[in-house]
Amino acid sequence: MGKPYLYGLLTGLSIIVAAYPASARNTADCDKLQSGKAEVLLNTIDPQPDVDKNSAGDACPQKGPANSQTPVKAVPISLGATGSGTIVKKATKGDILPQSEGSLHEDLTFKYRIYRPEVQNGDTMVLLHGSGQDETSLVSFASKIAPNALLLAVRGRVVQDGSNRWYRRLTPISFDQQGIRSEAKAFAEFLKQVTREYKFDPNRTTFLGYSNGANLVNAVMMLYPDLVKQAVLLRSMPVLTGTIEANLANARVLTVSGASDQLYAPYAPALEDLLRSHGARVEARSIKSDHGLGKDDVKVVSEWLAGGATAQLKKN
């Protein structure tokens, strides 16, 4: 074949390739995970890593909604030399995420997971989720407020109307008293077992409870006052009825209510008065929020925890 013929053939092939639509090209590269910047959404109860849109991947065909946002694995941040002020700033921005063992433990009376930060400081935080959630629901929140603490995330055992709970409710503001007491007893035994197994320091353990979970924490405090030394109760209310004798002189508590939480915020003062009347040191905060959690909660709780750590250092 002569040179003119070869030149014409090559030119024709170039035109065909250039005209071939991007959506019809080989899609092998489109199936690869596209990189993106992980960010944390702060205005949800459980902020999750998300991926920014990647304009470089626009030529790849969309296979469905599942490909619109691809989750990525969060990388823990080392904060060994970080001061408390910087921790608060990082937590509020959502730059801190934990490292998980990645397994659900079912060897004790409650199902649970353990999350370990890259740099541990000896603190432990026990997480009790709200109604309809599970043991993972508060992990992102907790990793912001206590970035160097080991997280023990526990699942409530009661299932009511298809939702995980810590005890049955009769109405939104009245509850099964026998159920509360039996689950509080079971949880107290679980805490003793898990503390022995993992060698947690009770004096460096904080209980973080949200809504239904926070209510179980305050019930455990009243029924088993020696177990809880420090607690953060988010959107909580008193749930036990009757007179109970409890000495909470060794307990330090933060309560955070939402100013526009019309159903539960009115009960926050009663909870604060109850805990104080039994000797607990209570700091009560009300923020511009409803029943959900957001970045204001992160800031308030982070500052409170940092203040407690500073006071402990001065004491020692």
C-alpha atoms as a PDB file:
ATOM      1  CA  MET A   1       0.000   0.000   0.000  1.00  0.00           C
ATOM      2  CA  GLY A   2       1.218   3.489  -0.814  1.00  0.00           C
ATOM      3  CA  LYS A   3       1.886   6.256   1.695  1.00  0.00           C
ATOM      4  CA  PRO A   4      -1.210   8.292   0.650  1.00  0.00           C
ATOM      5  CA  TYR A   5      -3.423   5.310   1.403  1.00  0.00           C
ATOM      6  CA  LEU A   6      -1.875   4.735   4.874  1.00  0.00           C
ATOM      7  CA  TYR A   7      -2.130   8.441   5.708  1.00  0.00           C
ATOM      8  CA  GLY A   8      -5.808   8.444   4.769  1.00  0.00           C
ATOM      9  CA  LEU A   9      -6.489   5.307   6.836  1.00  0.00           C
ATOM     10  CA  LEU A  10      -4.843   6.737   9.965  1.00  0.00           C
ATOM     11  CA  THR A  11      -6.684  10.019   9.599  1.00  0.00           C
ATOM     12  CA  GLY A  12     -10.000   8.211   9.334  1.00  0.00           C
ATOM     13  CA  LEU A  13      -9.342   6.185  12.470  1.00  0.00           C
ATOM     14  CA  SER A  14      -8.455   9.375  14.410  1.00  0.00           C
ATOM     15  CA  ILE A  15     -11.736  10.968  13.381  1.00  0.00           C
ATOM     16  CA  ILE A  16     -13.704   7.903  14.487  1.00  0.00           C
ATOM     17  CA  VAL A  17     -11.997   7.824  17.933  1.00  0.00           C
ATOM     18  CA  ALA A  18     -12.516  11.543  18.482  1.00  0.00           C
ATOM     19  CA  ALA A  19     -16.202  11.266  17.577  1.00  0.00           C
ATOM     20  CA  TYR A  20     -16.823   8.228  19.781  1.00  0.00           C
ATOM     21  CA  PRO A  21     -18.921   9.392  22.775  1.00  0.00           C
ATOM     22  CA  ALA A  22     -17.311   9.428  26.237  1.00  0.00           C
ATOM     23  CA  SER A  23     -20.209   7.498  27.720  1.00  0.00           C
ATOM     24  CA  ALA A  24     -19.606   4.625  25.308  1.00  0.00           C
ATOM     25  CA  ARG A  25     -15.861   4.273  25.941  1.00  0.00           C
ATOM     26  CA  ASN A  26     -14.320   1.471  27.921  1.00  0.00           C
ATOM     27  CA  THR A  27     -15.703   1.866  31.482  1.00  0.00           C
ATOM     28  CA  ALA A  28     -13.008  -0.088  33.336  1.00  0.00           C
ATOM     29  CA  ASP A  29     -11.530   3.097  34.815  1.00  0.00           C
ATOM     30  CA  CYS A  30     -14.997   4.342  35.781  1.00  0.00           C
ATOM     31  CA  ASP A  31     -15.405   1.367  38.083  1.00  0.00           C
ATOM     32  CA  LYS A  32     -12.371   2.376  40.134  1.00  0.00           C
ATOM     33  CA  LEU A  33     -12.939   4.275  43.377  1.00  0.00           C
ATOM     34  CA  GLN A  34     -12.708   7.997  42.668  1.00  0.00           C
ATOM     35  CA  SER A  35     -10.797   9.929  45.267  1.00  0.00           C
ATOM     36  CA  GLY A  36     -12.396  12.805  47.101  1.00  0.00           C
ATOM     37  CA  LYS A  37     -12.042  14.935  50.185  1.00  0.00           C
ATOM     38  CA  ALA A  38     -13.763  13.463  53.245  1.00  0.00           C
ATOM     39  CA  GLU A  39     -15.890  15.880  55.211  1.00  0.00           C
ATOM     40  CA  VAL A  40     -18.164  15.441  58.204  1.00  0.00           C
ATOM     41  CA  LEU A  41     -21.700  16.741  58.282  1.00  0.00           C
ATOM     42  CA  LEU A  42     -22.169  18.413  61.637  1.00  0.00           C
ATOM     43  CA  ASN A  43     -25.910  19.029  61.617  1.00  0.00           C
ATOM     44  CA  THR A  44     -26.996  15.424  61.973  1.00  0.00           C
ATOM     45  CA  ILE A  45     -27.204  13.105  64.942  1.00  0.00           C
ATOM     46  CA  ASP A  46     -24.486  10.899  63.530  1.00  0.00           C
ATOM     47  CA  PRO A  47     -22.224  12.814  61.122  1.00  0.00           C
ATOM     48  CA  GLN A  48     -20.813  10.499  58.483  1.00  0.00           C
ATOM     49  CA  PRO A  49     -17.882  10.897  56.087  1.00  0.00           C
ATOM     50  CA  ASP A  50     -18.949  12.057  52.651  1.00  0.00           C
ATOM     51  CA  VAL A  51     -17.125  12.546  49.354  1.00  0.00           C
ATOM     52  CA  ASP A  52     -17.041  15.801  47.458  1.00  0.00           C
ATOM     53  CA  LYS A  53     -18.161  15.672  43.843  1.00  0.00           C
ATOM     54  CA  ASN A  54     -15.265  14.945  41.511  1.00  0.00           C
ATOM     55  CA  SER A  55     -15.531  16.763  38.194  1.00  0.00           C
ATOM     56  CA  ALA A  56     -12.898  14.459  36.708  1.00  0.00           C
ATOM     57  CA  GLY A  57     -15.336  11.589  36.855  1.00  0.00           C
ATOM     58  CA  ASP A  58     -18.205  13.300  35.044  1.00  0.00           C
ATOM     59  CA  ALA A  59     -17.519  11.347  31.841  1.00  0.00           C
ATOM     60  CA  CYS A  60     -18.193   8.061  33.625  1.00  0.00           C
ATOM     61  CA  PRO A  61     -21.704   6.674  33.231  1.00  0.00           C
ATOM     62  CA  GLN A  62     -23.891   6.789  36.351  1.00  0.00           C
ATOM     63  CA  LYS A  63     -25.003   3.344  37.472  1.00  0.00           C
ATOM     64  CA  GLY A  64     -27.496   4.519  40.038  1.00  0.00           C
ATOM     65  CA  PRO A  65     -27.835   6.575  43.218  1.00  0.00           C
ATOM     66  CA  ALA A  66     -25.284   4.437  45.063  1.00  0.00           C
ATOM     67  CA  ASN A  67     -22.468   5.901  42.932  1.00  0.00           C
ATOM     68  CA  SER A  68     -23.389   9.546  43.471  1.00  0.00           C
ATOM     69  CA  GLN A  69     -21.493   9.688  46.753  1.00  0.00           C
ATOM     70  CA  THR A  70     -18.867   7.070  47.545  1.00  0.00           C
ATOM     71  CA  PRO A  71     -17.878   6.629  51.223  1.00  0.00           C
ATOM     72  CA  VAL A  72     -14.204   6.616  52.079  1.00  0.00           C
ATOM     73  CA  LYS A  73     -12.387   5.263  55.097  1.00  0.00           C
ATOM     74  CA  ALA A  74     -11.601   7.950  57.643  1.00  0.00           C
ATOM     75  CA  VAL A  75      -7.997   8.337  58.707  1.00  0.00           C
ATOM     76  CA  PRO A  76      -7.409   9.024  62.415  1.00  0.00           C
ATOM     77  CA  ILE A  77      -5.552  12.199  63.332  1.00  0.00           C
ATOM     78  CA  SER A  78      -2.737  12.102  65.852  1.00  0.00           C
ATOM     79  CA  LEU A  79      -3.304  14.695  68.558  1.00  0.00           C
ATOM     80  CA  GLY A  80      -0.647  13.687  71.038  1.00  0.00           C
ATOM     81  CA  ALA A  81       0.809  17.186  71.294  1.00  0.00           C
ATOM     82  CA  THR A  82      -2.441  19.099  70.819  1.00  0.00           C
ATOM     83  CA  GLY A  83      -3.729  21.459  73.485  1.00  0.00           C
ATOM     84  CA  SER A  84      -7.348  21.449  74.632  1.00  0.00           C
ATOM     85  CA  GLY A  85      -8.132  24.674  72.768  1.00  0.00           C
ATOM     86  CA  THR A  86      -6.974  23.179  69.475  1.00  0.00           C
ATOM     87  CA  ILE A  87      -8.921  20.001  70.178  1.00  0.00           C
ATOM     88  CA  VAL A  88     -12.113  22.027  70.548  1.00  0.00           C
ATOM     89  CA  LYS A  89     -11.479  23.766  67.227  1.00  0.00           C
ATOM     90  CA  LYS A  90     -10.699  20.509  65.432  1.00  0.00           C
ATOM     91  CA  ALA A  91     -13.728  18.810  66.968  1.00  0.00           C
ATOM     92  CA  THR A  92     -16.055  21.609  65.891  1.00  0.00           C
ATOM     93  CA  LYS A  93     -14.703  21.406  62.342  1.00  0.00           C
ATOM     94  CA  GLY A  94     -15.230  17.660  62.300  1.00  0.00           C
ATOM     95  CA  ASP A  95     -11.639  16.776  61.479  1.00  0.00           C
ATOM     96  CA  ILE A  96     -11.365  13.977  64.018  1.00  0.00           C
ATOM     97  CA  LEU A  97     -12.542  10.423  63.433  1.00  0.00           C
ATOM     98  CA  PRO A  98     -11.764   7.228  65.348  1.00  0.00           C
ATOM     99  CA  GLN A  99     -10.166   3.962  64.337  1.00  0.00           C
ATOM    100  CA  SER A 100     -12.481   0.974  64.820  1.00  0.00           C
ATOM    101  CA  GLU A 101     -11.726  -2.630  65.631  1.00  0.00           C
ATOM    102  CA  GLY A 102     -14.442  -3.265  63.078  1.00  0.00           C
ATOM    103  CA  SER A 103     -16.297  -6.033  64.866  1.00  0.00           C
ATOM    104  CA  LEU A 104     -19.505  -6.397  66.830  1.00  0.00           C
ATOM    105  CA  HIS A 105     -18.940  -8.106  70.186  1.00  0.00           C
ATOM    106  CA  GLU A 106     -21.688 -10.409  71.409  1.00  0.00           C
ATOM    107  CA  ASP A 107     -19.892 -12.134  74.259  1.00  0.00           C
ATOM    108  CA  LEU A 108     -21.612 -10.161  77.056  1.00  0.00           C
ATOM    109  CA  THR A 109     -25.215  -9.289  77.905  1.00  0.00           C
ATOM    110  CA  PHE A 110     -25.200  -6.220  75.627  1.00  0.00           C
ATOM    111  CA  LYS A 111     -23.845  -6.037  72.079  1.00  0.00           C
ATOM    112  CA  TYR A 112     -21.023  -3.525  71.748  1.00  0.00           C
ATOM    113  CA  ARG A 113     -18.127  -2.255  69.668  1.00  0.00           C
ATOM    114  CA  ILE A 114     -14.738  -0.876  70.669  1.00  0.00           C
ATOM    115  CA  TYR A 115     -13.204   2.124  68.889  1.00  0.00           C
ATOM    116  CA  ARG A 116      -9.584   3.035  69.570  1.00  0.00           C
ATOM    117  CA  PRO A 117      -8.007   6.365  68.574  1.00  0.00           C
ATOM    118  CA  GLU A 118      -4.548   6.485  67.077  1.00  0.00           C
ATOM    119  CA  VAL A 119      -3.247   8.178  70.229  1.00  0.00           C
ATOM    120  CA  GLN A 120      -4.931   7.064  73.481  1.00  0.00           C
ATOM    121  CA  ASN A 121      -4.815   9.050  76.705  1.00  0.00           C
ATOM    122  CA  GLY A 122      -6.306   6.484  79.100  1.00  0.00           C
ATOM    123  CA  ASP A 123      -9.842   7.893  79.023  1.00  0.00           C
ATOM    124  CA  THR A 124     -12.899   5.831  78.124  1.00  0.00           C
ATOM    125  CA  MET A 125     -16.257   7.059  76.835  1.00  0.00           C
ATOM    126  CA  VAL A 126     -19.344   4.829  77.003  1.00  0.00           C
ATOM    127  CA  LEU A 127     -21.942   5.632  74.327  1.00  0.00           C
ATOM    128  CA  LEU A 128     -25.679   5.048  74.744  1.00  0.00           C
ATOM    129  CA  HIS A 129     -27.686   5.843  71.608  1.00  0.00           C
ATOM    130  CA  GLY A 130     -31.197   7.228  71.228  1.00  0.00           C
ATOM    131  CA  SER A 131     -34.383   5.455  70.152  1.00  0.00           C
ATOM    132  CA  GLY A 132     -34.274   3.858  66.716  1.00  0.00           C
ATOM    133  CA  GLN A 133     -30.484   3.992  66.502  1.00  0.00           C
ATOM    134  CA  ASP A 134     -27.702   1.540  67.279  1.00  0.00           C
ATOM    135  CA  GLU A 135     -24.265   1.395  68.876  1.00  0.00           C
ATOM    136  CA  THR A 136     -22.610   3.217  65.961  1.00  0.00           C
ATOM    137  CA  SER A 137     -24.884   6.261  66.030  1.00  0.00           C
ATOM    138  CA  LEU A 138     -22.866   8.413  68.449  1.00  0.00           C
ATOM    139  CA  VAL A 139     -19.389   7.331  67.390  1.00  0.00           C
ATOM    140  CA  SER A 140     -18.655  10.279  65.091  1.00  0.00           C
ATOM    141  CA  PHE A 141     -19.992  12.725  67.684  1.00  0.00           C
ATOM    142  CA  ALA A 142     -17.966  11.141  70.483  1.00  0.00           C
ATOM    143  CA  SER A 143     -14.772  11.121  68.435  1.00  0.00           C
ATOM    144  CA  LYS A 144     -15.053  14.880  68.080  1.00  0.00           C
ATOM    145  CA  ILE A 145     -15.566  15.627  71.753  1.00  0.00           C
ATOM    146  CA  ALA A 146     -13.073  13.020  73.052  1.00  0.00           C
ATOM    147  CA  PRO A 147     -10.560  12.399  70.244  1.00  0.00           C
ATOM    148  CA  ASN A 148      -8.070  10.510  72.409  1.00  0.00           C
ATOM    149  CA  ALA A 149     -10.520   8.385  74.386  1.00  0.00           C
ATOM    150  CA  LEU A 150     -11.314   4.735  73.797  1.00  0.00           C
ATOM    151  CA  LEU A 151     -14.989   4.492  72.810  1.00  0.00           C
ATOM    152  CA  LEU A 152     -17.241   1.734  74.095  1.00  0.00           C
ATOM    153  CA  ALA A 153     -20.387   1.857  71.956  1.00  0.00           C
ATOM    154  CA  VAL A 154     -23.262  -0.221  73.331  1.00  0.00           C
ATOM    155  CA  ARG A 155     -26.585  -1.270  71.769  1.00  0.00           C
ATOM    156  CA  GLY A 156     -29.842  -1.206  73.734  1.00  0.00           C
ATOM    157  CA  ARG A 157     -31.458  -4.636  74.083  1.00  0.00           C
ATOM    158  CA  VAL A 158     -35.127  -3.653  73.858  1.00  0.00           C
ATOM    159  CA  VAL A 159     -36.825  -3.582  70.456  1.00  0.00           C
ATOM    160  CA  GLN A 160     -40.155  -1.745  70.397  1.00  0.00           C
ATOM    161  CA  ASP A 161     -42.047  -1.138  67.148  1.00  0.00           C
ATOM    162  CA  GLY A 162     -38.943  -2.181  65.257  1.00  0.00           C
ATOM    163  CA  SER A 163     -36.671   0.339  67.010  1.00  0.00           C
ATOM    164  CA  ASN A 164     -33.726  -0.290  69.342  1.00  0.00           C
ATOM    165  CA  ARG A 165     -34.325   1.156  72.780  1.00  0.00           C
ATOM    166  CA  TRP A 166     -32.990   0.877  76.313  1.00  0.00           C
ATOM    167  CA  TYR A 167     -36.441   0.313  77.853  1.00  0.00           C
ATOM    168  CA  ARG A 168     -40.061   0.369  76.724  1.00  0.00           C
ATOM    169  CA  ARG A 169     -42.034   3.565  76.653  1.00  0.00           C
ATOM    170  CA  LEU A 170     -45.778   3.752  77.287  1.00  0.00           C
ATOM    171  CA  THR A 171     -46.165   7.298  75.970  1.00  0.00           C
ATOM    172  CA  PRO A 172     -43.512   9.804  74.807  1.00  0.00           C
ATOM    173  CA  ILE A 173     -43.077  10.915  78.436  1.00  0.00           C
ATOM    174  CA  SER A 174     -44.044   7.852  80.505  1.00  0.00           C
ATOM    175  CA  PHE A 175     -42.121   4.611  80.675  1.00  0.00           C
ATOM    176  CA  ASP A 176     -42.204   0.991  81.811  1.00  0.00           C
ATOM    177  CA  GLN A 177     -40.796   1.296  85.332  1.00  0.00           C
ATOM    178  CA  GLN A 178     -40.064  -2.395  85.760  1.00  0.00           C
ATOM    179  CA  GLY A 179     -38.333  -2.405  82.383  1.00  0.00           C
ATOM    180  CA  ILE A 180     -36.147   0.569  83.319  1.00  0.00           C
ATOM    181  CA  ARG A 181     -35.038  -1.090  86.538  1.00  0.00           C
ATOM    182  CA  SER A 182     -34.348  -4.478  84.971  1.00  0.00           C
ATOM    183  CA  GLU A 183     -32.364  -2.991  82.085  1.00  0.00           C
ATOM    184  CA  ALA A 184     -30.477  -0.660  84.436  1.00  0.00           C
ATOM    185  CA  LYS A 185     -29.518  -3.675  86.553  1.00  0.00           C
ATOM    186  CA  ALA A 186     -28.399  -5.627  83.485  1.00  0.00           C
ATOM    187  CA  PHE A 187     -26.406  -2.639  82.232  1.00  0.00           C
ATOM    188  CA  ALA A 188     -24.728  -2.193  85.620  1.00  0.00           C
ATOM    189  CA  GLU A 189     -23.610  -5.828  85.525  1.00  0.00           C
ATOM    190  CA  PHE A 190     -22.438  -5.398  81.941  1.00  0.00           C
ATOM    191  CA  LEU A 191     -20.336  -2.384  82.974  1.00  0.00           C
ATOM    192  CA  LYS A 192     -18.632  -4.386  85.711  1.00  0.00           C
ATOM    193  CA  GLN A 193     -17.858  -7.202  83.284  1.00  0.00           C
ATOM    194  CA  VAL A 194     -16.572  -5.014  80.470  1.00  0.00           C
ATOM    195  CA  THR A 195     -14.499  -2.925  82.892  1.00  0.00           C
ATOM    196  CA  ARG A 196     -12.760  -6.065  84.163  1.00  0.00           C
ATOM    197  CA  GLU A 197     -12.222  -7.454  80.684  1.00  0.00           C
ATOM    198  CA  TYR A 198     -10.816  -4.282  79.109  1.00  0.00           C
ATOM    199  CA  LYS A 199      -9.346  -2.815  82.316  1.00  0.00           C
ATOM    200  CA  PHE A 200     -11.079   0.545  82.006  1.00  0.00           C
ATOM    201  CA  ASP A 201     -10.387   3.098  84.725  1.00  0.00           C
ATOM    202  CA  PRO A 202     -13.791   4.005  86.264  1.00  0.00           C
ATOM    203  CA  ASN A 203     -12.390   7.336  87.397  1.00  0.00           C
ATOM    204  CA  ARG A 204     -11.523   8.208  83.790  1.00  0.00           C
ATOM    205  CA  THR A 205     -14.747   6.991  82.213  1.00  0.00           C
ATOM    206  CA  THR A 206     -17.415   9.343  80.853  1.00  0.00           C
ATOM    207  CA  PHE A 207     -20.913   8.225  79.917  1.00  0.00           C
ATOM    208  CA  LEU A 208     -22.368   9.915  76.850  1.00  0.00           C
ATOM    209  CA  GLY A 209     -26.098   9.367  76.454  1.00  0.00           C
ATOM    210  CA  TYR A 210     -28.556  10.792  73.966  1.00  0.00           C
ATOM    211  CA  SER A 211     -32.318  10.926  74.603  1.00  0.00           C
ATOM    212  CA  ASN A 212     -33.446   7.384  75.499  1.00  0.00           C
ATOM    213  CA  GLY A 213     -29.836   6.417  76.186  1.00  0.00           C
ATOM    214  CA  ALA A 214     -29.240   9.475  78.378  1.00  0.00           C
ATOM    215  CA  ASN A 215     -32.364   8.578  80.338  1.00  0.00           C
ATOM    216  CA  LEU A 216     -30.959   5.135  81.079  1.00  0.00           C
ATOM    217  CA  VAL A 217     -27.724   6.747  82.267  1.00  0.00           C
ATOM    218  CA  ASN A 218     -29.547   8.989  84.729  1.00  0.00           C
ATOM    219  CA  ALA A 219     -31.569   5.967  85.920  1.00  0.00           C
ATOM    220  CA  VAL A 220     -28.358   3.972  86.448  1.00  0.00           C
ATOM    221  CA  MET A 221     -26.930   6.892  88.394  1.00  0.00           C
ATOM    222  CA  MET A 222     -29.894   6.883  90.751  1.00  0.00           C
ATOM    223  CA  LEU A 223     -30.061   3.094  91.171  1.00  0.00           C
ATOM    224  CA  TYR A 224     -26.299   2.371  91.150  1.00  0.00           C
ATOM    225  CA  PRO A 225     -24.689   5.676  92.203  1.00  0.00           C
ATOM    226  CA  ASP A 226     -21.123   4.381  92.455  1.00  0.00           C
ATOM    227  CA  LEU A 227     -20.877   3.364  88.800  1.00  0.00           C
ATOM    228  CA  VAL A 228     -21.052   6.728  87.045  1.00  0.00           C
ATOM    229  CA  LYS A 229     -18.470   9.363  87.939  1.00  0.00           C
ATOM    230  CA  GLN A 230     -18.930  11.628  84.913  1.00  0.00           C
ATOM    231  CA  ALA A 231     -21.820  11.862  82.456  1.00  0.00           C
ATOM    232  CA  VAL A 232     -22.986  13.935  79.502  1.00  0.00           C
ATOM    233  CA  LEU A 233     -26.768  13.784  79.163  1.00  0.00           C
ATOM    234  CA  LEU A 234     -28.089  15.106  75.851  1.00  0.00           C
ATOM    235  CA  ARG A 235     -31.845  15.840  75.534  1.00  0.00           C
ATOM    236  CA  SER A 236     -32.601  13.920  78.708  1.00  0.00           C
ATOM    237  CA  MET A 237     -35.393  13.841  81.289  1.00  0.00           C
ATOM    238  CA  PRO A 238     -36.000  12.008  84.589  1.00  0.00           C
ATOM    239  CA  VAL A 239     -37.715   8.651  84.006  1.00  0.00           C
ATOM    240  CA  LEU A 240     -37.851   6.880  87.370  1.00  0.00           C
ATOM    241  CA  THR A 241     -40.849   7.302  89.626  1.00  0.00           C
ATOM    242  CA  GLY A 242     -40.945   7.047  93.411  1.00  0.00           C
ATOM    243  CA  THR A 243     -38.417   8.052  96.033  1.00  0.00           C
ATOM    244  CA  ILE A 244     -34.870   6.774  95.623  1.00  0.00           C
ATOM    245  CA  GLU A 245     -31.949   7.245  97.995  1.00  0.00           C
ATOM    246  CA  ALA A 246     -28.702   7.884  96.143  1.00  0.00           C
ATOM    247  CA  ASN A 247     -25.474   9.653  97.032  1.00  0.00           C
ATOM    248  CA  LEU A 248     -24.110  11.316  93.877  1.00  0.00           C
ATOM    249  CA  ALA A 249     -21.491  13.462  95.596  1.00  0.00           C
ATOM    250  CA  ASN A 250     -18.771  11.965  93.403  1.00  0.00           C
ATOM    251  CA  ALA A 251     -20.626  12.547  90.135  1.00  0.00           C
ATOM    252  CA  ARG A 252     -20.017  15.357  87.660  1.00  0.00           C
ATOM    253  CA  VAL A 253     -22.749  15.884  85.057  1.00  0.00           C
ATOM    254  CA  LEU A 254     -23.399  18.043  82.007  1.00  0.00           C
ATOM    255  CA  THR A 255     -26.969  18.302  80.720  1.00  0.00           C
ATOM    256  CA  VAL A 256     -27.651  19.848  77.311  1.00  0.00           C
ATOM    257  CA  SER A 257     -31.203  20.614  76.214  1.00  0.00           C
ATOM    258  CA  GLY A 258     -32.491  22.106  72.986  1.00  0.00           C
ATOM    259  CA  ALA A 259     -34.355  25.391  73.456  1.00  0.00           C
ATOM    260  CA  SER A 260     -36.864  24.485  70.740  1.00  0.00           C
ATOM    261  CA  ASP A 261     -37.271  20.864  71.831  1.00  0.00           C
ATOM    262  CA  GLN A 262     -40.894  21.391  72.829  1.00  0.00           C
ATOM    263  CA  LEU A 263     -41.519  17.894  74.135  1.00  0.00           C
ATOM    264  CA  TYR A 264     -38.440  17.217  76.295  1.00  0.00           C
ATOM    265  CA  ALA A 265     -36.793  20.575  77.091  1.00  0.00           C
ATOM    266  CA  PRO A 266     -39.469  21.438  79.706  1.00  0.00           C
ATOM    267  CA  TYR A 267     -38.307  18.416  81.730  1.00  0.00           C
ATOM    268  CA  ALA A 268     -34.622  19.374  81.764  1.00  0.00           C
ATOM    269  CA  PRO A 269     -34.844  21.541  84.927  1.00  0.00           C
ATOM    270  CA  ALA A 270     -36.488  18.663  86.826  1.00  0.00           C
ATOM    271  CA  LEU A 271     -33.604  16.361  85.904  1.00  0.00           C
ATOM    272  CA  GLU A 272     -31.039  18.945  86.946  1.00  0.00           C
ATOM    273  CA  ASP A 273     -32.780  19.513  90.287  1.00  0.00           C
ATOM    274  CA  LEU A 274     -33.042  15.765  90.882  1.00  0.00           C
ATOM    275  CA  LEU A 275     -29.335  15.172  90.332  1.00  0.00           C
ATOM    276  CA  ARG A 276     -28.313  18.203  92.391  1.00  0.00           C
ATOM    277  CA  SER A 277     -30.596  17.176  95.258  1.00  0.00           C
ATOM    278  CA  HIS A 278     -28.593  13.954  95.510  1.00  0.00           C
ATOM    279  CA  GLY A 279     -25.247  15.754  95.578  1.00  0.00           C
ATOM    280  CA  ALA A 280     -24.143  15.703  91.931  1.00  0.00           C
ATOM    281  CA  ARG A 281     -22.228  18.635  90.472  1.00  0.00           C
ATOM    282  CA  VAL A 282     -24.410  19.608  87.530  1.00  0.00           C
ATOM    283  CA  GLU A 283     -23.779  22.107  84.765  1.00  0.00           C
ATOM    284  CA  ALA A 284     -26.934  22.736  82.751  1.00  0.00           C
ATOM    285  CA  ARG A 285     -26.794  24.201  79.254  1.00  0.00           C
ATOM    286  CA  SER A 286     -29.553  25.102  76.831  1.00  0.00           C
ATOM    287  CA  ILE A 287     -28.622  25.696  73.196  1.00  0.00           C
ATOM    288  CA  LYS A 288     -30.403  26.887  70.066  1.00  0.00           C
ATOM    289  CA  SER A 289     -31.505  23.481  68.831  1.00  0.00           C
ATOM    290  CA  ASP A 290     -34.388  21.054  68.718  1.00  0.00           C
ATOM    291  CA  HIS A 291     -34.163  17.404  69.792  1.00  0.00           C
ATOM    292  CA  GLY A 292     -31.418  16.669  67.257  1.00  0.00           C
ATOM    293  CA  LEU A 293     -27.690  17.138  67.792  1.00  0.00           C
ATOM    294  CA  GLY A 294     -25.359  19.476  65.934  1.00  0.00           C
ATOM    295  CA  LYS A 295     -22.149  21.481  66.053  1.00  0.00           C
ATOM    296  CA  ASP A 296     -23.281  23.557  69.051  1.00  0.00           C
ATOM    297  CA  ASP A 297     -23.500  20.349  71.077  1.00  0.00           C
ATOM    298  CA  VAL A 298     -19.978  19.424  69.980  1.00  0.00           C
ATOM    299  CA  LYS A 299     -18.627  22.786  71.112  1.00  0.00           C
ATOM    300  CA  VAL A 300     -20.422  22.826  74.481  1.00  0.00           C
ATOM    301  CA  VAL A 301     -19.478  19.260  75.406  1.00  0.00           C
ATOM    302  CA  SER A 302     -15.874  19.613  74.196  1.00  0.00           C
ATOM    303  CA  GLU A 303     -15.357  22.703  76.348  1.00  0.00           C
ATOM    304  CA  TRP A 304     -16.926  21.033  79.375  1.00  0.00           C
ATOM    305  CA  LEU A 305     -14.729  17.969  79.032  1.00  0.00           C
ATOM    306  CA  ALA A 306     -11.630  20.124  78.552  1.00  0.00           C
ATOM    307  CA  GLY A 307     -12.521  22.077  81.696  1.00  0.00           C
ATOM    308  CA  GLY A 308     -12.846  18.884  83.696  1.00  0.00           C
ATOM    309  CA  ALA A 309      -9.494  17.616  82.449  1.00  0.00           C
ATOM    310  CA  THR A 310      -7.828  20.905  83.419  1.00  0.00           C
ATOM    311  CA  ALA A 311      -9.360  20.766  86.896  1.00  0.00           C
ATOM    312  CA  GLN A 312      -8.145  17.179  87.345  1.00  0.00           C
ATOM    313  CA  LEU A 313      -4.609  18.152  86.347  1.00  0.00           C
ATOM    314  CA  LYS A 314      -4.606  20.975  88.907  1.00  0.00           C
ATOM    315  CA  LYS A 315      -5.938  18.589  91.545  1.00  0.00           C
ATOM    316  CA  ASN A 316      -3.140  16.125  90.884  1.00  0.00           C
END
